[in-house]
């Protein structure tokens, strides 16, 4: 299992919209071998690391 790219409470941007969101929860999806993230503005949706980027 690799290290998570983002931490809970971190402000990140959604790549497609550049919208700023806060990470609420991260979860390692073992079958896909990557992390998924739940964010504050869209709690019913999850995002993978490649869909998010660090906020500068």
PDB file of N, CA and C in Angstrom:
ATOM      1  N   UNK A   1       0.855  -1.180   0.000  1.00  0.00           N
ATOM      2  CA  UNK A   1       0.000   0.000   0.000  1.00  0.00           C
ATOM      3  C   UNK A   1       0.900   1.242   0.000  1.00  0.00           C
ATOM      4  N   UNK A   2       0.601   2.168  -0.851  1.00  0.00           N
ATOM      5  CA  UNK A   2       1.384   3.394  -0.958  1.00  0.00           C
ATOM      6  C   UNK A   2       0.874   4.453   0.017  1.00  0.00           C
ATOM      7  N   UNK A   3       1.621   5.511   0.134  1.00  0.00           N
ATOM      8  CA  UNK A   3       1.263   6.626   0.999  1.00  0.00           C
ATOM      9  C   UNK A   3       0.175   7.476   0.333  1.00  0.00           C
ATOM     10  N   UNK A   4      -0.786   7.947   1.118  1.00  0.00           N
ATOM     11  CA  UNK A   4      -1.839   8.819   0.611  1.00  0.00           C
ATOM     12  C   UNK A   4      -1.245  10.167   0.191  1.00  0.00           C
ATOM     13  N   UNK A   5      -1.712  10.693  -0.929  1.00  0.00           N
ATOM     14  CA  UNK A   5      -1.204  11.957  -1.455  1.00  0.00           C
ATOM     15  C   UNK A   5      -1.753  13.157  -0.671  1.00  0.00           C
ATOM     16  N   UNK A   6      -2.960  13.033  -0.140  1.00  0.00           N
ATOM     17  CA  UNK A   6      -3.625  14.127   0.570  1.00  0.00           C
ATOM     18  C   UNK A   6      -4.000  13.679   1.980  1.00  0.00           C
ATOM     19  N   UNK A   7      -4.158  14.651   2.888  1.00  0.00           N
ATOM     20  CA  UNK A   7      -4.538  14.345   4.264  1.00  0.00           C
ATOM     21  C   UNK A   7      -5.921  14.915   4.579  1.00  0.00           C
ATOM     22  N   UNK A   8      -6.572  14.339   5.581  1.00  0.00           N
ATOM     23  CA  UNK A   8      -7.879  14.840   6.008  1.00  0.00           C
ATOM     24  C   UNK A   8      -7.736  16.291   6.469  1.00  0.00           C
ATOM     25  N   UNK A   9      -8.671  17.144   6.045  1.00  0.00           N
ATOM     26  CA  UNK A   9      -8.631  18.558   6.389  1.00  0.00           C
ATOM     27  C   UNK A   9      -7.854  19.421   5.410  1.00  0.00           C
ATOM     28  N   UNK A  10      -7.164  18.796   4.465  1.00  0.00           N
ATOM     29  CA  UNK A  10      -6.373  19.548   3.489  1.00  0.00           C
ATOM     30  C   UNK A  10      -7.279  20.154   2.414  1.00  0.00           C
ATOM     31  N   UNK A  11      -6.988  21.389   2.018  1.00  0.00           N
ATOM     32  CA  UNK A  11      -7.732  22.055   0.942  1.00  0.00           C
ATOM     33  C   UNK A  11      -7.034  21.714  -0.371  1.00  0.00           C
ATOM     34  N   UNK A  12      -7.809  21.168  -1.309  1.00  0.00           N
ATOM     35  CA  UNK A  12      -7.293  20.779  -2.619  1.00  0.00           C
ATOM     36  C   UNK A  12      -8.227  21.315  -3.698  1.00  0.00           C
ATOM     37  N   UNK A  13      -7.814  21.202  -4.949  1.00  0.00           N
ATOM     38  CA  UNK A  13      -8.642  21.646  -6.075  1.00  0.00           C
ATOM     39  C   UNK A  13      -9.054  20.435  -6.904  1.00  0.00           C
ATOM     40  N   UNK A  14     -10.291  20.464  -7.386  1.00  0.00           N
ATOM     41  CA  UNK A  14     -10.767  19.444  -8.319  1.00  0.00           C
ATOM     42  C   UNK A  14     -10.207  19.820  -9.685  1.00  0.00           C
ATOM     43  N   UNK A  15      -9.506  18.904 -10.335  1.00  0.00           N
ATOM     44  CA  UNK A  15      -8.802  19.212 -11.588  1.00  0.00           C
ATOM     45  C   UNK A  15      -9.709  19.787 -12.677  1.00  0.00           C
ATOM     46  N   UNK A  16     -10.859  19.178 -12.926  1.00  0.00           N
ATOM     47  CA  UNK A  16     -11.691  19.603 -14.059  1.00  0.00           C
ATOM     48  C   UNK A  16     -12.326  20.967 -13.869  1.00  0.00           C
ATOM     49  N   UNK A  17     -12.598  21.364 -12.614  1.00  0.00           N
ATOM     50  CA  UNK A  17     -13.282  22.633 -12.391  1.00  0.00           C
ATOM     51  C   UNK A  17     -12.425  23.664 -11.660  1.00  0.00           C
ATOM     52  N   UNK A  18     -11.284  23.240 -11.121  1.00  0.00           N
ATOM     53  CA  UNK A  18     -10.415  24.089 -10.315  1.00  0.00           C
ATOM     54  C   UNK A  18     -11.116  24.599  -9.054  1.00  0.00           C
ATOM     55  N   UNK A  19     -12.180  23.934  -8.648  1.00  0.00           N
ATOM     56  CA  UNK A  19     -12.944  24.295  -7.453  1.00  0.00           C
ATOM     57  C   UNK A  19     -12.215  23.812  -6.210  1.00  0.00           C
ATOM     58  N   UNK A  20     -12.132  24.682  -5.204  1.00  0.00           N
ATOM     59  CA  UNK A  20     -11.463  24.321  -3.954  1.00  0.00           C
ATOM     60  C   UNK A  20     -12.416  23.559  -3.044  1.00  0.00           C
ATOM     61  N   UNK A  21     -11.933  22.463  -2.498  1.00  0.00           N
ATOM     62  CA  UNK A  21     -12.708  21.628  -1.581  1.00  0.00           C
ATOM     63  C   UNK A  21     -11.780  21.165  -0.458  1.00  0.00           C
ATOM     64  N   UNK A  22     -12.383  20.699   0.635  1.00  0.00           N
ATOM     65  CA  UNK A  22     -11.618  20.192   1.768  1.00  0.00           C
ATOM     66  C   UNK A  22     -11.822  18.687   1.875  1.00  0.00           C
ATOM     67  N   UNK A  23     -10.740  17.951   2.038  1.00  0.00           N
ATOM     68  CA  UNK A  23     -10.810  16.496   2.189  1.00  0.00           C
ATOM     69  C   UNK A  23     -11.441  16.170   3.531  1.00  0.00           C
ATOM     70  N   UNK A  24     -12.522  15.409   3.516  1.00  0.00           N
ATOM     71  CA  UNK A  24     -13.158  14.970   4.749  1.00  0.00           C
ATOM     72  C   UNK A  24     -12.620  13.616   5.200  1.00  0.00           C
ATOM     73  N   UNK A  25     -12.429  12.709   4.230  1.00  0.00           N
ATOM     74  CA  UNK A  25     -12.041  11.345   4.561  1.00  0.00           C
ATOM     75  C   UNK A  25     -11.313  10.718   3.390  1.00  0.00           C
ATOM     76  N   UNK A  26     -10.295   9.925   3.697  1.00  0.00           N
ATOM     77  CA  UNK A  26      -9.615   9.162   2.649  1.00  0.00           C
ATOM     78  C   UNK A  26      -9.770   7.684   2.945  1.00  0.00           C
ATOM     79  N   UNK A  27      -9.747   6.889   1.883  1.00  0.00           N
ATOM     80  CA  UNK A  27      -9.935   5.450   2.034  1.00  0.00           C
ATOM     81  C   UNK A  27      -9.112   4.739   0.970  1.00  0.00           C
ATOM     82  N   UNK A  28      -8.344   3.734   1.398  1.00  0.00           N
ATOM     83  CA  UNK A  28      -7.563   2.954   0.446  1.00  0.00           C
ATOM     84  C   UNK A  28      -8.445   1.859  -0.136  1.00  0.00           C
ATOM     85  N   UNK A  29      -8.593   1.840  -1.452  1.00  0.00           N
ATOM     86  CA  UNK A  29      -9.391   0.827  -2.144  1.00  0.00           C
ATOM     87  C   UNK A  29      -8.426  -0.273  -2.571  1.00  0.00           C
ATOM     88  N   UNK A  30      -8.400  -1.350  -1.801  1.00  0.00           N
ATOM     89  CA  UNK A  30      -7.419  -2.408  -2.005  1.00  0.00           C
ATOM     90  C   UNK A  30      -7.515  -3.030  -3.398  1.00  0.00           C
ATOM     91  N   UNK A  31      -8.729  -3.286  -3.882  1.00  0.00           N
ATOM     92  CA  UNK A  31      -8.894  -3.931  -5.189  1.00  0.00           C
ATOM     93  C   UNK A  31      -8.396  -3.061  -6.346  1.00  0.00           C
ATOM     94  N   UNK A  32      -8.408  -1.738  -6.159  1.00  0.00           N
ATOM     95  CA  UNK A  32      -7.951  -0.816  -7.208  1.00  0.00           C
ATOM     96  C   UNK A  32      -6.549  -0.279  -6.922  1.00  0.00           C
ATOM     97  N   UNK A  33      -6.036  -0.586  -5.740  1.00  0.00           N
ATOM     98  CA  UNK A  33      -4.695  -0.168  -5.314  1.00  0.00           C
ATOM     99  C   UNK A  33      -4.487   1.334  -5.406  1.00  0.00           C
ATOM    100  N   UNK A  34      -5.486   2.087  -4.919  1.00  0.00           N
ATOM    101  CA  UNK A  34      -5.373   3.543  -4.871  1.00  0.00           C
ATOM    102  C   UNK A  34      -6.342   4.118  -3.845  1.00  0.00           C
ATOM    103  N   UNK A  35      -6.142   5.378  -3.518  1.00  0.00           N
ATOM    104  CA  UNK A  35      -6.963   6.051  -2.524  1.00  0.00           C
ATOM    105  C   UNK A  35      -8.149   6.754  -3.162  1.00  0.00           C
ATOM    106  N   UNK A  36      -9.262   6.770  -2.419  1.00  0.00           N
ATOM    107  CA  UNK A  36     -10.411   7.588  -2.801  1.00  0.00           C
ATOM    108  C   UNK A  36     -10.626   8.608  -1.688  1.00  0.00           C
ATOM    109  N   UNK A  37     -11.202   9.736  -2.042  1.00  0.00           N
ATOM    110  CA  UNK A  37     -11.384  10.832  -1.097  1.00  0.00           C
ATOM    111  C   UNK A  37     -12.818  11.340  -1.145  1.00  0.00           C
ATOM    112  N   UNK A  38     -13.356  11.645   0.033  1.00  0.00           N
ATOM    113  CA  UNK A  38     -14.656  12.304   0.160  1.00  0.00           C
ATOM    114  C   UNK A  38     -14.365  13.757   0.518  1.00  0.00           C
ATOM    115  N   UNK A  39     -15.062  14.692  -0.147  1.00  0.00           N
ATOM    116  CA  UNK A  39     -14.808  16.116   0.082  1.00  0.00           C
ATOM    117  C   UNK A  39     -16.046  16.806   0.638  1.00  0.00           C
ATOM    118  N   UNK A  40     -15.852  17.978   1.238  1.00  0.00           N
ATOM    119  CA  UNK A  40     -16.937  18.669   1.934  1.00  0.00           C
ATOM    120  C   UNK A  40     -18.087  19.110   1.040  1.00  0.00           C
ATOM    121  N   UNK A  41     -17.820  19.597  -0.153  1.00  0.00           N
ATOM    122  CA  UNK A  41     -18.885  20.127  -1.008  1.00  0.00           C
ATOM    123  C   UNK A  41     -19.690  19.038  -1.721  1.00  0.00           C
ATOM    124  N   UNK A  42     -19.121  17.853  -1.840  1.00  0.00           N
ATOM    125  CA  UNK A  42     -19.795  16.743  -2.517  1.00  0.00           C
ATOM    126  C   UNK A  42     -19.667  15.472  -1.674  1.00  0.00           C
ATOM    127  N   UNK A  43     -20.296  15.433  -0.499  1.00  0.00           N
ATOM    128  CA  UNK A  43     -20.107  14.299   0.415  1.00  0.00           C
ATOM    129  C   UNK A  43     -20.658  12.972  -0.109  1.00  0.00           C
ATOM    130  N   UNK A  44     -21.536  12.990  -1.092  1.00  0.00           N
ATOM    131  CA  UNK A  44     -22.095  11.767  -1.652  1.00  0.00           C
ATOM    132  C   UNK A  44     -21.268  11.202  -2.809  1.00  0.00           C
ATOM    133  N   UNK A  45     -20.171  11.876  -3.137  1.00  0.00           N
ATOM    134  CA  UNK A  45     -19.316  11.491  -4.259  1.00  0.00           C
ATOM    135  C   UNK A  45     -17.913  11.261  -3.736  1.00  0.00           C
ATOM    136  N   UNK A  46     -17.143  10.436  -4.421  1.00  0.00           N
ATOM    137  CA  UNK A  46     -15.742  10.272  -4.050  1.00  0.00           C
ATOM    138  C   UNK A  46     -14.871  10.592  -5.258  1.00  0.00           C
ATOM    139  N   UNK A  47     -13.648  10.960  -4.971  1.00  0.00           N
ATOM    140  CA  UNK A  47     -12.682  11.316  -6.001  1.00  0.00           C
ATOM    141  C   UNK A  47     -11.419  10.495  -5.799  1.00  0.00           C
ATOM    142  N   UNK A  48     -10.736  10.165  -6.889  1.00  0.00           N
ATOM    143  CA  UNK A  48      -9.449   9.499  -6.813  1.00  0.00           C
ATOM    144  C   UNK A  48      -8.345  10.560  -6.882  1.00  0.00           C
ATOM    145  N   UNK A  49      -7.128  10.187  -6.487  1.00  0.00           N
ATOM    146  CA  UNK A  49      -6.016  11.145  -6.444  1.00  0.00           C
ATOM    147  C   UNK A  49      -5.799  11.876  -7.759  1.00  0.00           C
ATOM    148  N   UNK A  50      -5.953  11.174  -8.870  1.00  0.00           N
ATOM    149  CA  UNK A  50      -5.699  11.823 -10.164  1.00  0.00           C
ATOM    150  C   UNK A  50      -6.764  12.859 -10.533  1.00  0.00           C
ATOM    151  N   UNK A  51      -7.876  12.897  -9.796  1.00  0.00           N
ATOM    152  CA  UNK A  51      -8.931  13.879 -10.045  1.00  0.00           C
ATOM    153  C   UNK A  51      -8.762  15.136  -9.195  1.00  0.00           C
ATOM    154  N   UNK A  52      -7.799  15.110  -8.268  1.00  0.00           N
ATOM    155  CA  UNK A  52      -7.556  16.224  -7.374  1.00  0.00           C
ATOM    156  C   UNK A  52      -6.127  16.709  -7.545  1.00  0.00           C
ATOM    157  N   UNK A  53      -5.877  17.952  -7.121  1.00  0.00           N
ATOM    158  CA  UNK A  53      -4.501  18.469  -7.163  1.00  0.00           C
ATOM    159  C   UNK A  53      -4.277  19.376  -5.957  1.00  0.00           C
ATOM    160  N   UNK A  54      -3.017  19.510  -5.580  1.00  0.00           N
ATOM    161  CA  UNK A  54      -2.641  20.371  -4.453  1.00  0.00           C
ATOM    162  C   UNK A  54      -3.041  21.801  -4.753  1.00  0.00           C
ATOM    163  N   UNK A  55      -3.520  22.487  -3.718  1.00  0.00           N
ATOM    164  CA  UNK A  55      -3.874  23.906  -3.843  1.00  0.00           C
ATOM    165  C   UNK A  55      -2.633  24.728  -3.506  1.00  0.00           C
ATOM    166  N   UNK A  56      -2.351  25.699  -4.326  1.00  0.00           N
ATOM    167  CA  UNK A  56      -1.136  26.534  -4.121  1.00  0.00           C
ATOM    168  C   UNK A  56      -1.442  27.775  -3.354  1.00  0.00           C
TER     169      UNK A  56
END
